Protein backbone atom coordinates (compact mmCIF):
# COMPACT_ATOMS: atom_id res chain seq x y z
CA UNK A 1 44.65 89.16 -254.65
CA UNK A 2 45.94 90.01 -251.32
CA UNK A 3 46.97 87.62 -248.70
CA UNK A 4 43.40 88.63 -246.59
CA UNK A 5 41.69 87.05 -249.88
CA UNK A 6 43.90 83.92 -250.09
CA UNK A 7 41.09 80.82 -249.80
CA UNK A 8 41.28 78.62 -246.59
CA UNK A 9 43.71 75.84 -247.23
CA UNK A 10 42.08 72.74 -246.53
CA UNK A 11 43.38 69.98 -243.90
CA UNK A 12 44.75 70.05 -240.14
CA UNK A 13 45.40 73.46 -238.45
CA UNK A 14 47.24 74.37 -235.72
CA UNK A 15 45.94 76.94 -233.00
CA UNK A 16 48.94 78.18 -230.71
CA UNK A 17 48.83 80.29 -227.63
CA UNK A 18 51.86 82.28 -226.83
CA UNK A 19 52.58 82.93 -222.68
CA UNK A 20 56.21 83.89 -221.45
CA UNK A 21 55.81 80.02 -219.12
CA UNK A 22 53.35 78.03 -221.66
CA UNK A 23 52.50 77.62 -225.02
CA UNK A 24 48.86 76.07 -225.62
CA UNK A 25 48.02 73.91 -228.39
CA UNK A 26 44.82 72.51 -230.39
CA UNK A 27 44.56 71.34 -234.01
CA UNK A 28 41.13 70.84 -236.05
CA UNK A 29 39.89 68.04 -238.00
CA UNK A 30 41.04 68.31 -241.55
CA UNK A 31 37.03 69.70 -242.35
CA UNK A 32 38.24 72.48 -240.44
CA UNK A 33 34.74 71.88 -238.38
CA UNK A 34 36.24 71.80 -234.35
CA UNK A 35 39.24 72.74 -232.53
CA UNK A 36 40.55 70.66 -229.97
CA UNK A 37 43.09 71.06 -227.62
CA UNK A 38 46.39 68.34 -227.88
CA UNK A 39 49.29 70.28 -225.40
CA UNK A 40 50.51 72.18 -223.92
CA UNK A 41 54.35 72.87 -223.83
CA UNK A 42 57.03 75.01 -221.15
CA UNK A 43 58.33 78.01 -222.28
CA UNK A 44 62.11 77.47 -223.50
CA UNK A 45 63.42 81.08 -224.33
CA UNK A 46 67.12 80.12 -223.91
CA UNK A 47 67.30 77.18 -226.99
CA UNK A 48 64.04 77.58 -228.20
CA UNK A 49 62.82 73.08 -227.06
CA UNK A 50 59.36 74.22 -227.30
CA UNK A 51 59.37 75.42 -231.08
CA UNK A 52 61.31 72.62 -232.47
CA UNK A 53 58.68 70.50 -230.76
CA UNK A 54 55.33 72.26 -232.47
CA UNK A 55 57.23 71.72 -235.78
CA UNK A 56 57.29 68.11 -234.72
CA UNK A 57 53.41 67.85 -233.88
CA UNK A 58 52.90 70.07 -237.32
CA UNK A 59 54.52 67.96 -239.66
CA UNK A 60 52.89 64.21 -237.72
CA UNK A 61 49.67 65.99 -237.93
CA UNK A 62 49.94 66.98 -241.81
CA UNK A 63 49.71 70.67 -240.84
CA UNK A 64 48.37 73.29 -243.59
CA UNK A 65 48.08 75.76 -241.55
CA UNK A 66 49.51 77.38 -238.02
CA UNK A 67 46.81 79.88 -236.09
CA UNK A 68 48.93 82.07 -233.85
CA UNK A 69 47.03 83.85 -231.54
CA UNK A 70 47.79 87.90 -231.22
CA UNK A 71 46.72 89.26 -227.53
CA UNK A 72 45.94 93.03 -228.54
CA UNK A 73 44.22 95.02 -225.91
CA UNK A 74 40.87 95.95 -225.98
CA UNK A 75 40.82 98.81 -227.64
CA UNK A 76 43.38 97.12 -230.21
CA UNK A 77 46.34 98.09 -229.05
CA UNK A 78 49.50 95.73 -229.32
CA UNK A 79 51.70 95.66 -225.88
CA UNK A 80 54.72 93.25 -224.82
CA UNK A 81 52.38 90.55 -224.96
CA UNK A 82 51.48 91.12 -228.19
CA UNK A 83 55.67 91.93 -229.30
CA UNK A 84 56.29 88.42 -227.73
CA UNK A 85 53.94 86.89 -230.11
CA UNK A 86 54.31 88.18 -232.74
CA UNK A 87 58.36 87.33 -232.10
CA UNK A 88 57.61 83.49 -231.06
CA UNK A 89 55.31 83.55 -234.92
CA UNK A 90 58.54 85.02 -236.58
CA UNK A 91 60.56 82.19 -234.31
CA UNK A 92 58.35 79.62 -235.56
CA UNK A 93 58.63 80.26 -239.25
CA UNK A 94 61.92 80.23 -239.52
CA UNK A 95 61.74 76.62 -237.36
CA UNK A 96 59.78 75.39 -240.18
CA UNK A 97 61.85 77.02 -243.01
CA UNK A 98 65.37 74.77 -241.36
CA UNK A 99 62.51 71.49 -240.82
CA UNK A 100 61.73 71.74 -244.75
CA UNK A 101 58.11 72.30 -243.79
CA UNK A 102 57.13 75.90 -245.06
CA UNK A 103 53.75 75.66 -244.07
CA UNK A 104 52.60 79.43 -243.65
CA UNK A 105 51.74 80.70 -239.59
CA UNK A 106 49.46 83.83 -239.96
CA UNK A 107 48.74 86.00 -236.56
CA UNK A 108 44.98 86.14 -235.52
CA UNK A 109 43.27 88.60 -233.33
CA UNK A 110 42.87 86.46 -230.33
CA UNK A 111 41.73 89.23 -227.64
CA UNK A 112 40.26 87.74 -224.33
CA UNK A 113 41.24 84.42 -225.50
CA UNK A 114 42.19 83.34 -222.18
CA UNK A 115 40.22 85.10 -220.07
CA UNK A 116 36.39 83.05 -221.84
CA UNK A 117 39.13 79.23 -221.32
CA UNK A 118 39.16 80.00 -217.76
CA UNK A 119 35.37 81.00 -217.63
CA UNK A 120 35.10 77.65 -219.28
CA UNK A 121 37.15 76.14 -216.93
CA UNK A 122 35.70 77.03 -213.71
CA UNK A 123 31.78 76.62 -215.51
CA UNK A 124 32.98 72.83 -215.94
CA UNK A 125 33.79 72.42 -211.99
CA UNK A 126 38.22 72.37 -212.79
CA UNK A 127 39.91 74.39 -209.26
CA UNK A 128 41.95 77.11 -209.94
CA UNK A 129 44.74 75.32 -209.44
CA UNK A 130 44.05 72.49 -212.07
CA UNK A 131 43.13 75.79 -214.55
CA UNK A 132 47.20 75.94 -214.82
CA UNK A 133 47.56 72.09 -216.42
CA UNK A 134 44.94 73.00 -219.17
CA UNK A 135 43.97 76.85 -219.98
CA UNK A 136 47.01 77.39 -222.19
CA UNK A 137 45.24 74.30 -224.40
CA UNK A 138 41.98 75.72 -223.95
CA UNK A 139 43.21 79.32 -225.24
CA UNK A 140 44.74 77.98 -228.45
CA UNK A 141 41.54 76.25 -229.19
CA UNK A 142 39.79 79.36 -228.88
CA UNK A 143 41.95 80.98 -230.99
CA UNK A 144 42.08 78.33 -233.52
CA UNK A 145 38.21 78.08 -233.55
CA UNK A 146 37.86 81.83 -233.95
CA UNK A 147 39.85 81.33 -236.87
CA UNK A 148 37.91 78.65 -238.33
CA UNK A 149 34.79 80.24 -237.98
CA UNK A 150 36.91 83.44 -240.24
CA UNK A 151 37.57 80.97 -243.37
CA UNK A 152 33.65 79.35 -243.27
CA UNK A 153 32.31 82.45 -242.86
CA UNK A 154 33.96 85.17 -245.42
CA UNK A 155 35.42 81.73 -247.15
CA UNK A 156 39.35 83.40 -246.55
CA UNK A 157 42.35 82.70 -244.11
CA UNK A 158 42.01 84.25 -241.00
CA UNK A 159 44.78 86.89 -239.60
CA UNK A 160 47.97 87.74 -241.61
CA UNK A 161 50.90 86.12 -242.81
CA UNK A 162 54.08 85.82 -240.95
CA UNK A 163 57.45 86.87 -242.03
CA UNK A 164 60.44 85.33 -240.11
CA UNK A 165 63.60 87.20 -239.55
CA UNK A 166 65.60 85.11 -241.54
CA UNK A 167 62.92 83.80 -244.30
CA UNK A 168 60.26 85.25 -245.01
CA UNK A 169 56.67 83.87 -245.29
CA UNK A 170 55.86 80.54 -246.01
CA UNK A 171 53.96 78.35 -247.82
CA UNK A 172 53.01 74.69 -248.67
CA UNK A 173 55.36 71.77 -248.13
CA UNK A 174 55.28 68.06 -247.68
CA UNK A 175 54.94 65.95 -244.46
CA UNK A 176 57.88 64.59 -241.94
CA UNK A 177 56.91 62.79 -239.42
CA UNK A 178 59.61 63.03 -236.67
CA UNK A 179 58.99 61.05 -232.60
CA UNK A 180 57.13 62.69 -230.46
CA UNK A 181 58.17 64.59 -227.37
CA UNK A 182 55.85 63.91 -224.65
CA UNK A 183 54.32 66.90 -222.36
CA UNK A 184 50.94 67.84 -221.64
CA UNK A 185 48.58 66.02 -223.20
CA UNK A 186 44.86 66.91 -223.78
CA UNK A 187 42.59 67.19 -220.83
CA UNK A 188 38.59 66.27 -220.78
CA UNK A 189 37.77 69.72 -221.50
CA UNK A 190 35.19 72.09 -222.81
CA UNK A 191 35.33 74.52 -225.87
CA UNK A 192 35.56 78.22 -225.03
CA UNK A 193 31.80 80.14 -224.33
CA UNK A 194 32.34 82.51 -227.14
CA UNK A 195 30.22 85.63 -225.72
CA UNK A 196 31.95 87.24 -222.04
CA UNK A 197 32.74 89.74 -219.54
CA UNK A 198 35.67 91.92 -220.25
CA UNK A 199 35.18 93.77 -216.85
CA UNK A 200 37.80 90.41 -215.94
CA UNK A 201 39.93 90.09 -217.99
CA UNK A 202 43.21 91.50 -215.73
CA UNK A 203 41.69 89.09 -213.01
CA UNK A 204 43.13 86.36 -215.42
CA UNK A 205 46.43 87.56 -216.76
CA UNK A 206 48.80 87.77 -214.03
CA UNK A 207 48.04 83.34 -213.57
CA UNK A 208 47.84 82.88 -217.47
CA UNK A 209 51.81 83.80 -217.36
CA UNK A 210 52.64 82.57 -214.29
CA UNK A 211 55.87 80.72 -213.43
CA UNK A 212 53.98 78.16 -211.01
CA UNK A 213 55.33 74.65 -213.36
CA UNK A 214 52.30 72.98 -214.10
CA UNK A 215 51.73 69.68 -211.91
CA UNK A 216 51.21 66.03 -214.45
CA UNK A 217 48.30 64.58 -213.88
CA UNK A 218 47.08 60.85 -214.62
CA UNK A 219 48.58 59.24 -217.77
CA UNK A 220 49.79 62.48 -218.04
CA UNK A 221 53.92 63.61 -219.60
CA UNK A 222 55.70 66.47 -217.35
């Protein structure tokens, strides 16, 4: 049986949207029906603190699989953003192994997930400035929901398995709960629309990776 034919694991899963400045997280219920936003992490390219926080999220939620979005172009090509996502996924695989929590990490196509997220937030009446506080979470919701839909329709795991730089592909391990570092909690946002116009893709690419600091909303922790 090939990797693409492996049946989906039952249990909670995470979706990850990787940007140069922020990383959005989403999770689903144990039955794998609905993806919901979790939090936004500030990307730490020097010490990879955000990767360690992601690992702790996986441990606390007893996650069985992590889906990382692969931002291909509309023609299916991979450019700098796709290579960045692949590198991040490899870092995550190694961090999971170091934490003795080797759940599988899989790359799944996320074409236009951020465009969809922006359109959903606009439809919900949220201002463009406030988009930055939650858009990465909503994009992660789209990534995870897409993976869950593939699992349900095909009866197989979505995407392709990731091999770490030092560790190889990962399997399943037990849970080791640890303390949670608050960054930005979930907002009251709607799930991304499934059908969108590709013409708006270029308009939001710069905003996704904007270096403008994220402002905390009431009840949030930076």
